[in-house]
C-alpha atoms as a PDB file:
ATOM      1  CA  UNK A   1       0.315   0.049  -0.183  1.00  0.00           C
ATOM      2  CA  UNK A   2       1.233   3.208  -0.835  1.00  0.00           C
ATOM      3  CA  UNK A   3       1.846   5.911   1.729  1.00  0.00           C
ATOM      4  CA  UNK A   4       1.240   8.954  -1.110  1.00  0.00           C
ATOM      5  CA  UNK A   5      -1.286  10.940  -0.046  1.00  0.00           C
ATOM      6  CA  UNK A   6      -3.983  10.958  -2.474  1.00  0.00           C
ATOM      7  CA  UNK A   7      -4.256  14.530  -4.658  1.00  0.00           C
ATOM      8  CA  UNK A   8      -7.490  16.806  -3.213  1.00  0.00           C
ATOM      9  CA  UNK A   9      -9.852  17.379  -5.470  1.00  0.00           C
ATOM     10  CA  UNK A  10      -9.205  20.088  -8.199  1.00  0.00           C
ATOM     11  CA  UNK A  11      -5.339  19.855  -7.478  1.00  0.00           C
ATOM     12  CA  UNK A  12      -3.301  20.171 -10.467  1.00  0.00           C
ATOM     13  CA  UNK A  13       0.034  18.239 -10.429  1.00  0.00           C
ATOM     14  CA  UNK A  14       1.759  19.437 -12.818  1.00  0.00           C
ATOM     15  CA  UNK A  15       2.020  23.005 -14.368  1.00  0.00           C
ATOM     16  CA  UNK A  16       0.022  24.119 -17.515  1.00  0.00           C
ATOM     17  CA  UNK A  17       2.498  24.576 -20.540  1.00  0.00           C
ATOM     18  CA  UNK A  18       2.381  28.073 -21.757  1.00  0.00           C
ATOM     19  CA  UNK A  19       0.537  30.335 -19.560  1.00  0.00           C
ATOM     20  CA  UNK A  20       1.371  31.090 -15.370  1.00  0.00           C
ATOM     21  CA  UNK A  21      -1.832  28.652 -13.788  1.00  0.00           C
ATOM     22  CA  UNK A  22      -3.726  31.170 -11.302  1.00  0.00           C
ATOM     23  CA  UNK A  23      -5.313  34.203 -11.433  1.00  0.00           C
ATOM     24  CA  UNK A  24      -2.762  36.574 -11.858  1.00  0.00           C
ATOM     25  CA  UNK A  25      -2.510  36.812 -15.584  1.00  0.00           C
ATOM     26  CA  UNK A  26      -6.688  36.284 -16.194  1.00  0.00           C
ATOM     27  CA  UNK A  27      -6.290  39.533 -14.090  1.00  0.00           C
ATOM     28  CA  UNK A  28      -3.586  41.079 -16.270  1.00  0.00           C
ATOM     29  CA  UNK A  29      -6.190  39.813 -19.546  1.00  0.00           C
ATOM     30  CA  UNK A  30      -8.761  42.219 -17.912  1.00  0.00           C
ATOM     31  CA  UNK A  31      -7.257  45.034 -16.659  1.00  0.00           C
ATOM     32  CA  UNK A  32      -5.747  44.756 -21.226  1.00  0.00           C
ATOM     33  CA  UNK A  33      -8.985  44.875 -21.941  1.00  0.00           C
ATOM     34  CA  UNK A  34     -10.723  44.075 -25.538  1.00  0.00           C
ATOM     35  CA  UNK A  35      -8.741  46.111 -27.310  1.00  0.00           C
ATOM     36  CA  UNK A  36      -9.969  49.761 -29.335  1.00  0.00           C
ATOM     37  CA  UNK A  37     -13.601  49.959 -29.684  1.00  0.00           C
ATOM     38  CA  UNK A  38     -13.880  49.984 -33.396  1.00  0.00           C
ATOM     39  CA  UNK A  39     -15.016  52.624 -35.662  1.00  0.00           C
ATOM     40  CA  UNK A  40     -19.406  53.008 -35.996  1.00  0.00           C
ATOM     41  CA  UNK A  41     -18.872  52.599 -39.687  1.00  0.00           C
ATOM     42  CA  UNK A  42     -17.028  48.923 -39.233  1.00  0.00           C
ATOM     43  CA  UNK A  43     -19.203  47.799 -37.091  1.00  0.00           C
ATOM     44  CA  UNK A  44     -21.515  45.331 -38.553  1.00  0.00           C
ATOM     45  CA  UNK A  45     -24.947  45.838 -36.566  1.00  0.00           C
ATOM     46  CA  UNK A  46     -24.871  49.604 -36.237  1.00  0.00           C
ATOM     47  CA  UNK A  47     -26.358  52.428 -39.000  1.00  0.00           C
ATOM     48  CA  UNK A  48     -22.918  53.704 -40.130  1.00  0.00           C
ATOM     49  CA  UNK A  49     -21.304  50.379 -40.694  1.00  0.00           C
ATOM     50  CA  UNK A  50     -24.895  49.086 -42.855  1.00  0.00           C
ATOM     51  CA  UNK A  51     -24.387  52.137 -44.495  1.00  0.00           C
ATOM     52  CA  UNK A  52     -21.083  51.275 -45.450  1.00  0.00           C
ATOM     53  CA  UNK A  53     -21.772  48.538 -46.923  1.00  0.00           C
ATOM     54  CA  UNK A  54     -24.712  49.715 -49.383  1.00  0.00           C
ATOM     55  CA  UNK A  55     -22.269  52.246 -50.551  1.00  0.00           C
ATOM     56  CA  UNK A  56     -20.052  49.731 -50.888  1.00  0.00           C
ATOM     57  CA  UNK A  57     -22.431  47.282 -52.630  1.00  0.00           C
ATOM     58  CA  UNK A  58     -23.797  50.204 -55.343  1.00  0.00           C
ATOM     59  CA  UNK A  59     -19.942  50.621 -56.321  1.00  0.00           C
ATOM     60  CA  UNK A  60     -19.204  47.265 -56.444  1.00  0.00           C
ATOM     61  CA  UNK A  61     -23.016  46.651 -58.385  1.00  0.00           C
ATOM     62  CA  UNK A  62     -21.750  49.644 -61.145  1.00  0.00           C
ATOM     63  CA  UNK A  63     -18.425  48.120 -61.919  1.00  0.00           C
ATOM     64  CA  UNK A  64     -19.876  45.004 -62.151  1.00  0.00           C
ATOM     65  CA  UNK A  65     -22.612  46.604 -64.870  1.00  0.00           C
ATOM     66  CA  UNK A  66     -19.535  48.652 -66.859  1.00  0.00           C
ATOM     67  CA  UNK A  67     -18.006  45.620 -67.162  1.00  0.00           C
ATOM     68  CA  UNK A  68     -21.479  43.611 -68.685  1.00  0.00           C
ATOM     69  CA  UNK A  69     -21.049  41.020 -65.568  1.00  0.00           C
ATOM     70  CA  UNK A  70     -24.552  38.472 -65.003  1.00  0.00           C
ATOM     71  CA  UNK A  71     -26.961  40.935 -63.280  1.00  0.00           C
ATOM     72  CA  UNK A  72     -29.782  38.899 -62.082  1.00  0.00           C
ATOM     73  CA  UNK A  73     -30.677  35.729 -61.807  1.00  0.00           C
ATOM     74  CA  UNK A  74     -32.451  33.410 -64.547  1.00  0.00           C
ATOM     75  CA  UNK A  75     -36.091  34.737 -64.402  1.00  0.00           C
ATOM     76  CA  UNK A  76     -39.373  32.680 -62.903  1.00  0.00           C
ATOM     77  CA  UNK A  77     -42.341  32.991 -65.054  1.00  0.00           C
ATOM     78  CA  UNK A  78     -44.575  35.534 -64.533  1.00  0.00           C
ATOM     79  CA  UNK A  79     -47.453  35.085 -62.009  1.00  0.00           C
ATOM     80  CA  UNK A  80     -50.814  35.198 -62.705  1.00  0.00           C
ATOM     81  CA  UNK A  81     -54.102  35.649 -60.187  1.00  0.00           C
ATOM     82  CA  UNK A  82     -56.384  33.176 -59.835  1.00  0.00           C
ATOM     83  CA  UNK A  83     -59.231  34.967 -60.989  1.00  0.00           C
ATOM     84  CA  UNK A  84     -61.105  37.343 -63.307  1.00  0.00           C
ATOM     85  CA  UNK A  85     -61.657  40.330 -61.235  1.00  0.00           C
ATOM     86  CA  UNK A  86     -64.366  43.065 -61.234  1.00  0.00           C
ATOM     87  CA  UNK A  87     -63.209  46.758 -61.228  1.00  0.00           C
ATOM     88  CA  UNK A  88     -65.708  49.196 -59.463  1.00  0.00           C
ATOM     89  CA  UNK A  89     -66.562  52.633 -58.962  1.00  0.00           C
ATOM     90  CA  UNK A  90     -66.506  55.578 -62.061  1.00  0.00           C
ATOM     91  CA  UNK A  91     -62.978  56.379 -61.375  1.00  0.00           C
ATOM     92  CA  UNK A  92     -61.700  53.694 -61.371  1.00  0.00           C
ATOM     93  CA  UNK A  93     -63.305  52.100 -64.593  1.00  0.00           C
ATOM     94  CA  UNK A  94     -62.396  54.917 -66.582  1.00  0.00           C
ATOM     95  CA  UNK A  95     -59.169  55.184 -65.120  1.00  0.00           C
ATOM     96  CA  UNK A  96     -58.598  51.484 -66.064  1.00  0.00           C
ATOM     97  CA  UNK A  97     -60.227  51.556 -69.992  1.00  0.00           C
ATOM     98  CA  UNK A  98     -58.281  55.067 -70.035  1.00  0.00           C
ATOM     99  CA  UNK A  99     -54.924  53.363 -69.486  1.00  0.00           C
ATOM    100  CA  UNK A 100     -56.319  50.545 -71.756  1.00  0.00           C
ATOM    101  CA  UNK A 101     -56.139  47.626 -69.326  1.00  0.00           C
ATOM    102  CA  UNK A 102     -57.435  44.151 -71.136  1.00  0.00           C
ATOM    103  CA  UNK A 103     -61.300  44.170 -70.648  1.00  0.00           C
ATOM    104  CA  UNK A 104     -63.668  42.285 -71.351  1.00  0.00           C
ATOM    105  CA  UNK A 105     -66.701  43.104 -70.552  1.00  0.00           C
ATOM    106  CA  UNK A 106     -68.352  46.670 -68.897  1.00  0.00           C
ATOM    107  CA  UNK A 107     -71.599  45.992 -67.534  1.00  0.00           C
ATOM    108  CA  UNK A 108     -74.376  48.802 -66.827  1.00  0.00           C
ATOM    109  CA  UNK A 109     -76.950  49.448 -64.591  1.00  0.00           C
ATOM    110  CA  UNK A 110     -80.542  49.859 -66.203  1.00  0.00           C
ATOM    111  CA  UNK A 111     -81.291  53.599 -66.331  1.00  0.00           C
ATOM    112  CA  UNK A 112     -77.728  54.505 -64.691  1.00  0.00           C
ATOM    113  CA  UNK A 113     -77.404  58.082 -64.327  1.00  0.00           C
ATOM    114  CA  UNK A 114     -75.554  59.757 -66.287  1.00  0.00           C
ATOM    115  CA  UNK A 115     -72.317  61.761 -66.023  1.00  0.00           C
ATOM    116  CA  UNK A 116     -69.638  63.198 -68.180  1.00  0.00           C
ATOM    117  CA  UNK A 117     -67.594  60.010 -66.898  1.00  0.00           C
ATOM    118  CA  UNK A 118     -69.914  58.026 -67.654  1.00  0.00           C
ATOM    119  CA  UNK A 119     -70.402  58.967 -70.722  1.00  0.00           C
ATOM    120  CA  UNK A 120     -66.381  58.631 -71.159  1.00  0.00           C
ATOM    121  CA  UNK A 121     -67.239  55.027 -69.920  1.00  0.00           C
ATOM    122  CA  UNK A 122     -69.377  54.319 -72.624  1.00  0.00           C
ATOM    123  CA  UNK A 123     -67.093  55.919 -75.718  1.00  0.00           C
ATOM    124  CA  UNK A 124     -63.424  54.249 -74.255  1.00  0.00           C
ATOM    125  CA  UNK A 125     -65.772  50.827 -74.065  1.00  0.00           C
ATOM    126  CA  UNK A 126     -67.803  51.847 -77.892  1.00  0.00           C
ATOM    127  CA  UNK A 127     -63.944  52.416 -79.212  1.00  0.00           C
ATOM    128  CA  UNK A 128     -62.137  49.227 -77.936  1.00  0.00           C
ATOM    129  CA  UNK A 129     -65.128  47.350 -78.742  1.00  0.00           C
ATOM    130  CA  UNK A 130     -65.873  45.811 -74.933  1.00  0.00           C
ATOM    131  CA  UNK A 131     -68.971  44.334 -75.327  1.00  0.00           C
ATOM    132  CA  UNK A 132     -71.531  46.466 -73.482  1.00  0.00           C
ATOM    133  CA  UNK A 133     -73.574  44.790 -70.985  1.00  0.00           C
ATOM    134  CA  UNK A 134     -77.039  46.627 -69.878  1.00  0.00           C
ATOM    135  CA  UNK A 135     -77.808  44.258 -66.264  1.00  0.00           C
ATOM    136  CA  UNK A 136     -80.495  45.547 -63.569  1.00  0.00           C
ATOM    137  CA  UNK A 137     -79.692  46.783 -60.474  1.00  0.00           C
ATOM    138  CA  UNK A 138     -79.965  44.053 -57.776  1.00  0.00           C
ATOM    139  CA  UNK A 139     -77.740  41.402 -60.388  1.00  0.00           C
ATOM    140  CA  UNK A 140     -74.505  44.657 -60.923  1.00  0.00           C
ATOM    141  CA  UNK A 141     -74.745  44.841 -56.192  1.00  0.00           C
ATOM    142  CA  UNK A 142     -75.248  40.374 -56.513  1.00  0.00           C
ATOM    143  CA  UNK A 143     -72.355  40.725 -58.859  1.00  0.00           C
ATOM    144  CA  UNK A 144     -70.271  42.835 -56.902  1.00  0.00           C
ATOM    145  CA  UNK A 145     -68.774  41.874 -52.675  1.00  0.00           C
ATOM    146  CA  UNK A 146     -70.696  43.651 -50.028  1.00  0.00           C
ATOM    147  CA  UNK A 147     -68.938  46.963 -48.882  1.00  0.00           C
ATOM    148  CA  UNK A 148     -68.031  47.932 -53.015  1.00  0.00           C
ATOM    149  CA  UNK A 149     -69.405  50.625 -53.848  1.00  0.00           C
ATOM    150  CA  UNK A 150     -70.228  50.163 -57.980  1.00  0.00           C
ATOM    151  CA  UNK A 151     -71.642  53.246 -58.840  1.00  0.00           C
ATOM    152  CA  UNK A 152     -73.721  51.523 -61.357  1.00  0.00           C
ATOM    153  CA  UNK A 153     -70.597  50.870 -63.064  1.00  0.00           C
ATOM    154  CA  UNK A 154     -68.063  47.452 -63.526  1.00  0.00           C
ATOM    155  CA  UNK A 155     -65.648  46.165 -65.504  1.00  0.00           C
ATOM    156  CA  UNK A 156     -64.248  42.832 -65.966  1.00  0.00           C
ATOM    157  CA  UNK A 157     -60.959  42.259 -66.316  1.00  0.00           C
ATOM    158  CA  UNK A 158     -58.720  39.176 -66.365  1.00  0.00           C
ATOM    159  CA  UNK A 159     -56.867  37.636 -63.297  1.00  0.00           C
ATOM    160  CA  UNK A 160     -53.787  40.696 -63.017  1.00  0.00           C
ATOM    161  CA  UNK A 161     -50.605  39.751 -64.337  1.00  0.00           C
ATOM    162  CA  UNK A 162     -47.573  40.522 -62.559  1.00  0.00           C
ATOM    163  CA  UNK A 163     -44.340  41.678 -63.023  1.00  0.00           C
ATOM    164  CA  UNK A 164     -41.119  39.974 -62.013  1.00  0.00           C
ATOM    165  CA  UNK A 165     -39.407  41.842 -58.873  1.00  0.00           C
ATOM    166  CA  UNK A 166     -35.965  42.187 -61.346  1.00  0.00           C
ATOM    167  CA  UNK A 167     -37.338  42.704 -64.138  1.00  0.00           C
ATOM    168  CA  UNK A 168     -39.100  46.812 -62.321  1.00  0.00           C
ATOM    169  CA  UNK A 169     -35.322  47.560 -61.678  1.00  0.00           C
ATOM    170  CA  UNK A 170     -34.660  47.010 -65.019  1.00  0.00           C
ATOM    171  CA  UNK A 171     -37.747  48.824 -66.890  1.00  0.00           C
ATOM    172  CA  UNK A 172     -36.371  51.670 -64.674  1.00  0.00           C
ATOM    173  CA  UNK A 173     -32.357  51.323 -64.646  1.00  0.00           C
ATOM    174  CA  UNK A 174     -33.636  51.768 -69.134  1.00  0.00           C
ATOM    175  CA  UNK A 175     -35.006  54.903 -68.166  1.00  0.00           C
ATOM    176  CA  UNK A 176     -32.434  56.199 -66.529  1.00  0.00           C
ATOM    177  CA  UNK A 177     -34.579  57.061 -63.106  1.00  0.00           C
ATOM    178  CA  UNK A 178     -33.332  56.364 -59.632  1.00  0.00           C
ATOM    179  CA  UNK A 179     -35.337  53.677 -58.446  1.00  0.00           C
ATOM    180  CA  UNK A 180     -37.942  54.153 -55.871  1.00  0.00           C
ATOM    181  CA  UNK A 181     -40.772  51.138 -55.774  1.00  0.00           C
ATOM    182  CA  UNK A 182     -42.243  49.291 -51.949  1.00  0.00           C
ATOM    183  CA  UNK A 183     -42.751  46.468 -50.811  1.00  0.00           C
ATOM    184  CA  UNK A 184     -45.017  44.562 -48.872  1.00  0.00           C
ATOM    185  CA  UNK A 185     -44.292  42.684 -45.863  1.00  0.00           C
ATOM    186  CA  UNK A 186     -47.279  40.673 -44.197  1.00  0.00           C
ATOM    187  CA  UNK A 187     -49.878  43.225 -45.342  1.00  0.00           C
ATOM    188  CA  UNK A 188     -53.375  41.805 -45.686  1.00  0.00           C
ATOM    189  CA  UNK A 189     -55.684  44.257 -46.616  1.00  0.00           C
ATOM    190  CA  UNK A 190     -56.359  44.919 -50.274  1.00  0.00           C
ATOM    191  CA  UNK A 191     -57.361  48.777 -49.535  1.00  0.00           C
ATOM    192  CA  UNK A 192     -53.631  49.024 -47.968  1.00  0.00           C
ATOM    193  CA  UNK A 193     -52.649  47.808 -50.717  1.00  0.00           C
ATOM    194  CA  UNK A 194     -55.313  50.340 -53.175  1.00  0.00           C
ATOM    195  CA  UNK A 195     -54.161  53.022 -51.543  1.00  0.00           C
ATOM    196  CA  UNK A 196     -49.655  52.235 -51.722  1.00  0.00           C
ATOM    197  CA  UNK A 197     -49.768  51.809 -55.419  1.00  0.00           C
ATOM    198  CA  UNK A 198     -51.572  55.760 -55.543  1.00  0.00           C
ATOM    199  CA  UNK A 199     -48.826  57.465 -53.548  1.00  0.00           C
ATOM    200  CA  UNK A 200     -46.330  55.735 -55.410  1.00  0.00           C
ATOM    201  CA  UNK A 201     -48.165  56.653 -58.918  1.00  0.00           C
ATOM    202  CA  UNK A 202     -48.122  60.272 -56.638  1.00  0.00           C
ATOM    203  CA  UNK A 203     -44.988  60.691 -55.640  1.00  0.00           C
ATOM    204  CA  UNK A 204     -42.981  58.689 -58.729  1.00  0.00           C
ATOM    205  CA  UNK A 205     -42.224  55.402 -56.970  1.00  0.00           C
ATOM    206  CA  UNK A 206     -41.508  52.629 -60.197  1.00  0.00           C
ATOM    207  CA  UNK A 207     -43.736  49.499 -59.100  1.00  0.00           C
ATOM    208  CA  UNK A 208     -44.903  47.615 -56.037  1.00  0.00           C
ATOM    209  CA  UNK A 209     -43.656  43.724 -54.888  1.00  0.00           C
ATOM    210  CA  UNK A 210     -46.051  41.410 -52.668  1.00  0.00           C
ATOM    211  CA  UNK A 211     -44.925  38.266 -51.364  1.00  0.00           C
ATOM    212  CA  UNK A 212     -46.226  35.269 -52.619  1.00  0.00           C
ATOM    213  CA  UNK A 213     -47.778  33.683 -49.406  1.00  0.00           C
ATOM    214  CA  UNK A 214     -48.919  35.056 -46.668  1.00  0.00           C
ATOM    215  CA  UNK A 215     -49.611  39.001 -48.355  1.00  0.00           C
ATOM    216  CA  UNK A 216     -52.291  40.218 -50.240  1.00  0.00           C
ATOM    217  CA  UNK A 217     -52.631  40.502 -54.052  1.00  0.00           C
ATOM    218  CA  UNK A 218     -54.303  43.089 -56.693  1.00  0.00           C
ATOM    219  CA  UNK A 219     -58.139  42.257 -56.350  1.00  0.00           C
ATOM    220  CA  UNK A 220     -60.795  43.597 -57.163  1.00  0.00           C
ATOM    221  CA  UNK A 221     -60.814  46.281 -53.696  1.00  0.00           C
ATOM    222  CA  UNK A 222     -57.222  47.313 -55.010  1.00  0.00           C
ATOM    223  CA  UNK A 223     -57.953  48.553 -58.111  1.00  0.00           C
ATOM    224  CA  UNK A 224     -60.594  50.539 -56.314  1.00  0.00           C
ATOM    225  CA  UNK A 225     -58.812  52.156 -53.533  1.00  0.00           C
ATOM    226  CA  UNK A 226     -56.091  52.918 -55.801  1.00  0.00           C
ATOM    227  CA  UNK A 227     -58.962  54.742 -57.983  1.00  0.00           C
ATOM    228  CA  UNK A 228     -57.301  53.322 -60.977  1.00  0.00           C
ATOM    229  CA  UNK A 229     -53.195  54.005 -60.648  1.00  0.00           C
ATOM    230  CA  UNK A 230     -53.123  50.270 -60.450  1.00  0.00           C
ATOM    231  CA  UNK A 231     -53.509  50.024 -64.759  1.00  0.00           C
ATOM    232  CA  UNK A 232     -50.491  52.345 -64.680  1.00  0.00           C
ATOM    233  CA  UNK A 233     -47.752  50.862 -61.568  1.00  0.00           C
ATOM    234  CA  UNK A 234     -46.787  48.049 -61.512  1.00  0.00           C
ATOM    235  CA  UNK A 235     -47.144  45.182 -59.260  1.00  0.00           C
ATOM    236  CA  UNK A 236     -44.380  42.188 -58.858  1.00  0.00           C
ATOM    237  CA  UNK A 237     -44.166  39.284 -57.489  1.00  0.00           C
ATOM    238  CA  UNK A 238     -41.571  37.647 -54.469  1.00  0.00           C
ATOM    239  CA  UNK A 239     -41.579  34.047 -54.954  1.00  0.00           C
ATOM    240  CA  UNK A 240     -39.457  34.780 -51.575  1.00  0.00           C
ATOM    241  CA  UNK A 241     -38.887  38.473 -50.323  1.00  0.00           C
ATOM    242  CA  UNK A 242     -35.957  38.151 -48.392  1.00  0.00           C
ATOM    243  CA  UNK A 243     -34.424  36.855 -51.173  1.00  0.00           C
ATOM    244  CA  UNK A 244     -35.998  38.814 -53.470  1.00  0.00           C
ATOM    245  CA  UNK A 245     -34.361  42.311 -51.504  1.00  0.00           C
ATOM    246  CA  UNK A 246     -30.923  40.493 -51.569  1.00  0.00           C
ATOM    247  CA  UNK A 247     -30.765  39.866 -54.978  1.00  0.00           C
ATOM    248  CA  UNK A 248     -31.847  43.804 -54.956  1.00  0.00           C
ATOM    249  CA  UNK A 249     -29.356  44.983 -52.809  1.00  0.00           C
ATOM    250  CA  UNK A 250     -27.080  43.466 -55.038  1.00  0.00           C
ATOM    251  CA  UNK A 251     -27.811  45.669 -57.547  1.00  0.00           C
ATOM    252  CA  UNK A 252     -27.047  48.407 -55.469  1.00  0.00           C
ATOM    253  CA  UNK A 253     -30.836  49.135 -54.323  1.00  0.00           C
ATOM    254  CA  UNK A 254     -30.242  50.551 -50.822  1.00  0.00           C
ATOM    255  CA  UNK A 255     -32.726  49.088 -47.954  1.00  0.00           C
ATOM    256  CA  UNK A 256     -35.047  51.263 -46.100  1.00  0.00           C
ATOM    257  CA  UNK A 257     -37.638  49.324 -43.472  1.00  0.00           C
ATOM    258  CA  UNK A 258     -40.432  51.569 -42.057  1.00  0.00           C
ATOM    259  CA  UNK A 259     -41.029  50.773 -38.192  1.00  0.00           C
ATOM    260  CA  UNK A 260     -41.618  52.331 -35.420  1.00  0.00           C
ATOM    261  CA  UNK A 261     -39.163  51.519 -32.732  1.00  0.00           C
ATOM    262  CA  UNK A 262     -37.037  52.665 -36.164  1.00  0.00           C
ATOM    263  CA  UNK A 263     -33.674  54.167 -34.692  1.00  0.00           C
ATOM    264  CA  UNK A 264     -33.518  55.967 -37.546  1.00  0.00           C
ATOM    265  CA  UNK A 265     -35.757  58.856 -37.727  1.00  0.00           C
ATOM    266  CA  UNK A 266     -37.375  59.799 -41.135  1.00  0.00           C
ATOM    267  CA  UNK A 267     -36.583  63.962 -41.834  1.00  0.00           C
ATOM    268  CA  UNK A 268     -33.959  64.537 -43.394  1.00  0.00           C
ATOM    269  CA  UNK A 269     -33.171  60.906 -44.219  1.00  0.00           C
ATOM    270  CA  UNK A 270     -29.933  60.206 -45.049  1.00  0.00           C
ATOM    271  CA  UNK A 271     -30.816  57.392 -48.058  1.00  0.00           C
ATOM    272  CA  UNK A 272     -33.225  59.202 -50.030  1.00  0.00           C
ATOM    273  CA  UNK A 273     -31.584  59.850 -52.735  1.00  0.00           C
ATOM    274  CA  UNK A 274     -30.031  56.260 -54.023  1.00  0.00           C
ATOM    275  CA  UNK A 275     -32.054  53.874 -54.880  1.00  0.00           C
ATOM    276  CA  UNK A 276     -34.305  53.113 -52.497  1.00  0.00           C
ATOM    277  CA  UNK A 277     -37.037  49.865 -51.988  1.00  0.00           C
ATOM    278  CA  UNK A 278     -39.490  50.897 -48.682  1.00  0.00           C
ATOM    279  CA  UNK A 279     -40.570  48.194 -47.328  1.00  0.00           C
ATOM    280  CA  UNK A 280     -43.882  48.417 -45.603  1.00  0.00           C
ATOM    281  CA  UNK A 281     -44.563  45.725 -42.420  1.00  0.00           C
ATOM    282  CA  UNK A 282     -48.282  45.264 -40.923  1.00  0.00           C
ATOM    283  CA  UNK A 283     -50.219  47.662 -39.136  1.00  0.00           C
ATOM    284  CA  UNK A 284     -50.208  44.481 -36.472  1.00  0.00           C
ATOM    285  CA  UNK A 285     -47.128  42.909 -36.297  1.00  0.00           C
ATOM    286  CA  UNK A 286     -44.375  45.498 -38.571  1.00  0.00           C
ATOM    287  CA  UNK A 287     -41.473  44.414 -40.220  1.00  0.00           C
ATOM    288  CA  UNK A 288     -40.821  40.602 -40.151  1.00  0.00           C
ATOM    289  CA  UNK A 289     -37.720  39.690 -38.406  1.00  0.00           C
ATOM    290  CA  UNK A 290     -34.968  38.501 -41.888  1.00  0.00           C
ATOM    291  CA  UNK A 291     -36.519  41.658 -43.634  1.00  0.00           C
ATOM    292  CA  UNK A 292     -35.410  43.852 -41.079  1.00  0.00           C
ATOM    293  CA  UNK A 293     -32.203  41.791 -40.413  1.00  0.00           C
ATOM    294  CA  UNK A 294     -31.612  42.664 -44.425  1.00  0.00           C
ATOM    295  CA  UNK A 295     -32.948  46.447 -43.628  1.00  0.00           C
ATOM    296  CA  UNK A 296     -29.689  49.339 -44.390  1.00  0.00           C
ATOM    297  CA  UNK A 297     -32.108  51.174 -42.151  1.00  0.00           C
ATOM    298  CA  UNK A 298     -34.741  50.849 -40.052  1.00  0.00           C
ATOM    299  CA  UNK A 299     -36.639  54.347 -39.998  1.00  0.00           C
ATOM    300  CA  UNK A 300     -39.363  55.824 -37.754  1.00  0.00           C
ATOM    301  CA  UNK A 301     -41.806  58.496 -38.482  1.00  0.00           C
ATOM    302  CA  UNK A 302     -42.100  61.178 -36.087  1.00  0.00           C
ATOM    303  CA  UNK A 303     -45.836  61.056 -34.549  1.00  0.00           C
ATOM    304  CA  UNK A 304     -48.127  62.865 -31.401  1.00  0.00           C
ATOM    305  CA  UNK A 305     -47.797  60.028 -28.631  1.00  0.00           C
ATOM    306  CA  UNK A 306     -51.891  60.099 -28.865  1.00  0.00           C
ATOM    307  CA  UNK A 307     -51.301  57.702 -32.004  1.00  0.00           C
ATOM    308  CA  UNK A 308     -49.454  54.136 -31.729  1.00  0.00           C
ATOM    309  CA  UNK A 309     -49.570  53.850 -35.109  1.00  0.00           C
ATOM    310  CA  UNK A 310     -50.280  53.953 -38.798  1.00  0.00           C
ATOM    311  CA  UNK A 311     -51.054  51.993 -40.762  1.00  0.00           C
ATOM    312  CA  UNK A 312     -49.105  50.641 -43.659  1.00  0.00           C
ATOM    313  CA  UNK A 313     -51.084  52.674 -46.501  1.00  0.00           C
ATOM    314  CA  UNK A 314     -51.238  56.391 -44.513  1.00  0.00           C
ATOM    315  CA  UNK A 315     -46.560  55.169 -43.935  1.00  0.00           C
ATOM    316  CA  UNK A 316     -46.455  54.429 -47.014  1.00  0.00           C
ATOM    317  CA  UNK A 317     -47.567  57.713 -48.136  1.00  0.00           C
ATOM    318  CA  UNK A 318     -46.295  59.997 -45.852  1.00  0.00           C
ATOM    319  CA  UNK A 319     -42.233  58.141 -46.212  1.00  0.00           C
ATOM    320  CA  UNK A 320     -42.625  58.748 -50.122  1.00  0.00           C
ATOM    321  CA  UNK A 321     -43.642  62.239 -49.602  1.00  0.00           C
ATOM    322  CA  UNK A 322     -41.215  63.284 -48.009  1.00  0.00           C
ATOM    323  CA  UNK A 323     -38.523  60.953 -50.458  1.00  0.00           C
ATOM    324  CA  UNK A 324     -39.544  63.020 -53.017  1.00  0.00           C
ATOM    325  CA  UNK A 325     -39.189  66.222 -51.558  1.00  0.00           C
ATOM    326  CA  UNK A 326     -35.876  65.493 -50.756  1.00  0.00           C
ATOM    327  CA  UNK A 327     -34.797  64.701 -54.016  1.00  0.00           C
ATOM    328  CA  UNK A 328     -35.870  67.704 -55.201  1.00  0.00           C
ATOM    329  CA  UNK A 329     -34.537  69.366 -52.842  1.00  0.00           C
ATOM    330  CA  UNK A 330     -31.373  67.744 -53.335  1.00  0.00           C
ATOM    331  CA  UNK A 331     -31.712  67.215 -57.035  1.00  0.00           C
ATOM    332  CA  UNK A 332     -32.193  71.419 -57.146  1.00  0.00           C
ATOM    333  CA  UNK A 333     -29.515  72.085 -55.000  1.00  0.00           C
END
């Protein structure tokens, strides 16, 4: 039996190689710290760092374009909504006919009150060889949704044909314009979509992007709220919104998300005159996590404490107005 005592639990029998055992070395390490704090623009989680990364992407995209490099992934086929839609209301129907939106039938209520809009609607339909059917008002009521005010007229249009998101950007670049697109993240109310389309048309935007899943599409209610702007502003459908945003970023587009808790205030937005895509979240949930992580800036709109939030349509309109105003001021300066 050995006379050697067993080592105490946790006792070290040999010195460790390289670093002395004990608290002295650890104490010196703690005093040394982690080195100097990186500059704001070198920190990927800081707004300045995101802006720097976006500038580098823009320069890289310009360089690729100049060399004729491949600009975007292969396009997916254009998608259509499932059913034909009825555009209702005199303003919406008139704008759709003026812009030569494809139409298959014009329904007019019997003994409808005639005004200048109705006369122009009938004249345009006749010149375009769109069949005009007179129906009793109760029949027109049944054809339209309960909350729709048809004003005695409805236009049947084929299923909406969505563009590809990157095709929107191609069209803008060919015209030599500065891109200003709007994407919807979780917005399900067609009236919000219609209002956003109308604001995009009013403030110089070039298109709207909606996700394929969990999102509103271009239906009769969206047509109605857009007051015909849906005939002029293309709407694209993204199979995956996050991947689409990443593809747009690679093309030099800056991504600005709208959120009540955003760390950048909207007035005087630095990125306003850059190629932009504004991402609008739902009123209840806001932006999704993955979309937020891919934003170059998350912007908030200063509002009174008496109001909790703005709905998606109003938030988009306010932001588009501010961007348009800043672009005009900076181009004039």
